N, C-alpha and C. Protein backbone atom coordinates (compact mmCIF):
# COMPACT_ATOMS: atom_id res chain seq x y z
N MET A 1 61.69 165.67 2.41
CA MET A 1 60.52 165.46 1.85
C MET A 1 59.42 166.83 2.38
N GLU A 2 59.33 166.90 3.82
CA GLU A 2 58.42 167.82 3.88
C GLU A 2 58.92 169.38 3.23
N MET A 3 60.30 169.50 2.80
CA MET A 3 60.54 170.71 1.99
C MET A 3 59.92 170.74 1.07
N SER A 4 60.07 169.43 0.22
CA SER A 4 59.53 169.48 -1.00
C SER A 4 57.86 169.63 -1.35
N ALA A 5 57.08 168.98 -0.13
CA ALA A 5 55.82 169.59 -0.05
C ALA A 5 55.29 170.74 0.17
N GLN A 6 56.22 171.37 1.15
CA GLN A 6 55.80 173.01 1.23
C GLN A 6 56.17 173.82 0.00
N LEU A 7 56.72 173.65 -0.61
CA LEU A 7 57.64 173.87 -1.87
C LEU A 7 56.24 173.88 -2.67
N ALA A 8 55.70 172.62 -2.95
CA ALA A 8 54.55 172.68 -3.73
C ALA A 8 53.67 173.34 -3.34
N ARG A 9 53.12 173.39 -2.13
CA ARG A 9 52.02 174.04 -1.59
C ARG A 9 52.33 175.60 -2.08
N ILE A 10 53.41 176.18 -1.61
CA ILE A 10 53.94 177.41 -2.09
C ILE A 10 53.50 177.75 -3.47
N GLN A 11 53.81 177.11 -4.26
CA GLN A 11 53.84 177.16 -5.43
C GLN A 11 52.66 177.36 -6.19
N ARG A 12 51.76 176.42 -5.51
CA ARG A 12 50.47 176.11 -5.96
C ARG A 12 49.53 177.50 -5.41
N PHE A 13 49.97 178.06 -4.38
CA PHE A 13 49.32 179.31 -3.58
C PHE A 13 49.81 180.39 -4.79
N VAL A 14 50.57 180.33 -4.90
CA VAL A 14 51.24 181.74 -5.83
C VAL A 14 50.69 181.69 -7.22
N ARG A 15 50.34 180.28 -7.74
CA ARG A 15 49.45 180.13 -8.85
C ARG A 15 48.22 180.44 -9.07
N ASP A 16 47.47 179.97 -7.65
CA ASP A 16 46.19 180.37 -7.77
C ASP A 16 45.97 181.78 -7.20
N ASN A 17 46.83 182.65 -6.47
CA ASN A 17 46.70 183.94 -5.90
C ASN A 17 47.58 184.95 -6.34
N GLY A 18 48.39 184.64 -7.74
CA GLY A 18 49.15 185.61 -7.79
C GLY A 18 50.16 186.43 -6.81
N ARG A 19 50.68 186.17 -5.98
CA ARG A 19 51.29 186.49 -5.01
C ARG A 19 51.91 185.49 -3.94
N LEU A 20 53.37 186.01 -3.18
CA LEU A 20 53.77 185.10 -2.14
C LEU A 20 52.70 185.02 -0.60
N LEU A 21 52.76 184.08 -0.20
CA LEU A 21 51.99 184.05 0.90
C LEU A 21 52.95 184.96 1.79
N ASP A 22 51.89 185.48 2.93
CA ASP A 22 52.50 186.13 4.09
C ASP A 22 53.25 185.15 4.93
N SER A 23 52.16 184.21 5.36
CA SER A 23 53.23 182.81 6.53
C SER A 23 52.40 181.64 5.88
N LEU A 24 52.79 180.62 6.16
CA LEU A 24 52.66 179.45 6.01
C LEU A 24 50.61 178.99 6.46
N GLN A 25 50.76 179.84 7.21
CA GLN A 25 49.26 179.92 7.42
C GLN A 25 47.99 179.76 6.32
N GLU A 26 48.50 180.57 5.67
CA GLU A 26 47.45 180.87 4.89
C GLU A 26 47.55 179.73 3.46
N THR A 27 48.35 178.98 3.70
CA THR A 27 48.00 177.65 2.89
C THR A 27 46.56 176.79 2.75
N GLU A 28 46.14 177.18 4.63
CA GLU A 28 45.30 176.68 4.84
C GLU A 28 44.98 174.80 5.02
N GLU A 29 46.54 174.65 5.05
CA GLU A 29 46.93 173.23 5.02
C GLU A 29 47.40 172.82 6.34
N GLU A 30 47.79 171.36 6.85
CA GLU A 30 48.59 171.40 7.84
C GLU A 30 49.89 171.66 7.78
N LEU A 31 50.20 172.32 9.00
CA LEU A 31 51.84 173.04 8.65
C LEU A 31 52.64 171.76 8.95
N LEU A 32 53.95 171.73 8.11
CA LEU A 32 54.98 170.32 8.28
C LEU A 32 55.80 171.13 9.46
N THR A 33 56.33 170.10 9.86
CA THR A 33 57.21 170.43 11.39
C THR A 33 58.91 170.68 10.50
N GLY A 34 59.22 171.53 11.18
CA GLY A 34 60.34 171.43 10.74
C GLY A 34 60.89 172.05 9.45
N VAL A 35 60.10 172.98 9.19
CA VAL A 35 60.43 173.72 7.71
C VAL A 35 59.55 175.47 8.11
N GLU A 36 60.76 176.24 7.80
CA GLU A 36 60.56 177.97 8.22
C GLU A 36 60.32 178.33 6.62
N TYR A 37 59.66 179.19 6.51
CA TYR A 37 59.33 180.26 5.51
C TYR A 37 59.32 181.60 5.62
N VAL A 38 60.04 182.20 4.46
CA VAL A 38 60.51 183.36 4.82
C VAL A 38 60.50 184.09 3.27
N PRO A 39 59.42 184.95 3.88
CA PRO A 39 59.24 185.65 2.09
C PRO A 39 60.55 186.87 1.89
N LEU A 40 61.09 186.79 0.77
CA LEU A 40 61.95 187.87 0.35
C LEU A 40 61.39 188.65 -0.75
N ALA A 41 62.75 189.73 -1.29
CA ALA A 41 62.17 190.60 -1.89
C ALA A 41 62.34 190.17 -3.49
N ASP A 42 61.46 190.60 -4.30
CA ASP A 42 60.94 190.49 -5.72
C ASP A 42 60.62 189.05 -6.20
N SER A 43 59.52 188.96 -5.15
CA SER A 43 58.73 188.07 -5.52
C SER A 43 59.76 186.53 -4.76
N THR A 44 60.50 186.08 -4.48
CA THR A 44 61.25 185.16 -3.94
C THR A 44 61.16 185.19 -2.41
N PHE A 45 61.71 183.77 -2.07
CA PHE A 45 61.18 182.85 -0.42
C PHE A 45 62.41 182.30 -0.32
N ARG A 46 62.61 182.14 0.95
CA ARG A 46 63.33 180.87 1.36
C ARG A 46 62.75 179.87 2.24
N LEU A 47 62.92 178.94 2.05
CA LEU A 47 62.53 177.82 3.16
C LEU A 47 63.83 177.02 3.82
N ARG A 48 63.79 176.83 5.10
CA ARG A 48 64.88 176.48 5.85
C ARG A 48 64.56 175.32 6.51
N GLY A 49 65.02 173.77 6.07
CA GLY A 49 64.42 172.72 6.93
C GLY A 49 65.72 172.52 7.79
N ILE A 50 65.04 171.95 8.94
CA ILE A 50 66.15 171.18 9.79
C ILE A 50 65.82 169.80 10.22
N ILE A 51 67.02 168.84 9.45
CA ILE A 51 66.77 167.51 9.39
C ILE A 51 67.88 167.28 10.44
N ARG A 52 67.26 166.21 11.51
CA ARG A 52 68.60 165.93 12.59
C ARG A 52 69.68 166.64 12.78
N GLY A 53 69.76 167.77 13.17
CA GLY A 53 70.45 168.64 13.09
C GLY A 53 71.20 169.39 11.87
N GLY A 54 70.78 168.75 10.94
CA GLY A 54 71.24 169.67 9.71
C GLY A 54 70.31 170.56 8.87
N VAL A 55 71.06 171.63 8.17
CA VAL A 55 70.00 172.43 8.01
C VAL A 55 70.24 172.31 6.52
N ILE A 56 69.10 172.75 5.72
CA ILE A 56 68.66 172.82 4.47
C ILE A 56 68.23 174.12 4.03
N ASP A 57 68.99 175.03 3.31
CA ASP A 57 68.17 176.18 2.70
C ASP A 57 68.19 176.07 1.53
N TYR A 58 66.69 177.03 0.87
CA TYR A 58 66.68 176.90 -0.35
C TYR A 58 66.19 178.35 -0.89
N VAL A 59 66.45 178.86 -1.70
CA VAL A 59 65.70 180.11 -1.96
C VAL A 59 65.01 179.92 -3.43
N SER A 60 64.10 180.30 -3.69
CA SER A 60 63.06 179.97 -4.71
C SER A 60 63.77 180.68 -5.80
N SER A 61 64.44 181.31 -6.03
CA SER A 61 65.51 181.52 -7.42
C SER A 61 66.19 180.40 -7.63
N GLN A 62 66.80 179.37 -6.99
CA GLN A 62 67.42 178.50 -7.14
C GLN A 62 66.75 177.39 -7.90
N PRO A 63 67.30 176.09 -8.64
CA PRO A 63 67.00 175.32 -9.39
C PRO A 63 66.32 174.05 -8.40
N VAL A 64 64.88 173.79 -8.30
CA VAL A 64 64.53 172.74 -7.64
C VAL A 64 65.37 171.84 -7.41
N GLU A 65 66.16 171.28 -8.26
CA GLU A 65 67.38 170.45 -8.21
C GLU A 65 68.26 170.53 -6.81
N GLU A 66 68.57 172.01 -6.92
CA GLU A 66 69.64 172.41 -5.78
C GLU A 66 68.92 171.89 -4.37
N LEU A 67 67.55 172.12 -4.22
CA LEU A 67 66.97 171.39 -3.00
C LEU A 67 67.20 170.09 -3.17
N ARG A 68 66.69 169.53 -3.75
CA ARG A 68 66.93 167.81 -3.76
C ARG A 68 68.34 167.44 -3.43
N GLN A 69 69.24 168.21 -4.12
CA GLN A 69 70.67 167.72 -3.53
C GLN A 69 71.05 167.96 -2.46
N ASP A 70 70.87 169.21 -1.93
CA ASP A 70 71.26 169.47 -0.33
C ASP A 70 70.77 168.65 0.16
N ALA A 71 69.72 167.99 0.38
CA ALA A 71 69.02 167.14 1.54
C ALA A 71 69.42 165.89 1.18
N VAL A 72 69.98 165.35 0.09
CA VAL A 72 70.69 164.23 -0.14
C VAL A 72 72.24 164.24 0.39
N ASN A 73 72.69 165.38 0.51
CA ASN A 73 73.93 165.50 0.94
C ASN A 73 73.55 165.53 2.53
N VAL A 74 72.78 166.26 2.98
CA VAL A 74 72.93 166.50 4.29
C VAL A 74 72.45 165.05 4.83
N VAL A 75 71.95 164.50 4.66
CA VAL A 75 71.29 162.99 4.85
C VAL A 75 72.31 162.03 4.81
N THR A 76 73.18 162.21 3.69
CA THR A 76 74.22 161.20 3.67
C THR A 76 75.40 161.76 4.32
N LEU A 77 75.79 162.86 4.67
CA LEU A 77 77.01 163.35 5.58
C LEU A 77 76.25 162.71 6.95
N GLN A 78 75.15 162.86 7.38
CA GLN A 78 74.91 162.36 8.69
C GLN A 78 74.46 161.16 9.16
N ARG A 79 74.58 160.16 7.77
CA ARG A 79 75.03 159.03 8.29
C ARG A 79 76.41 158.60 8.30
N GLY A 80 77.10 159.17 7.79
CA GLY A 80 78.49 159.27 8.09
C GLY A 80 78.98 158.69 6.71
N THR A 81 78.23 158.89 5.80
CA THR A 81 78.70 158.40 4.20
C THR A 81 79.45 159.50 3.45
N PRO A 82 80.65 159.43 2.76
CA PRO A 82 81.31 160.26 2.15
C PRO A 82 80.86 160.70 1.09
């Protein structure tokens, strides 16, 4: 959930300012724990979320559905469900 919320904040910032953030502090919103933001080349960025020891990586060039599916997979594996 935190990664989806952070993604929405970043997308809103890009829409309003026409550029990527240098850091998450630029959103001027409360920082969400467990989410790392790294700007990359070509107007892309990576979000990394750590949830109960599992890691979810999302690069902005990927469809958002991949972020959601990766999150479901990590939570499912941690619960011990195949």
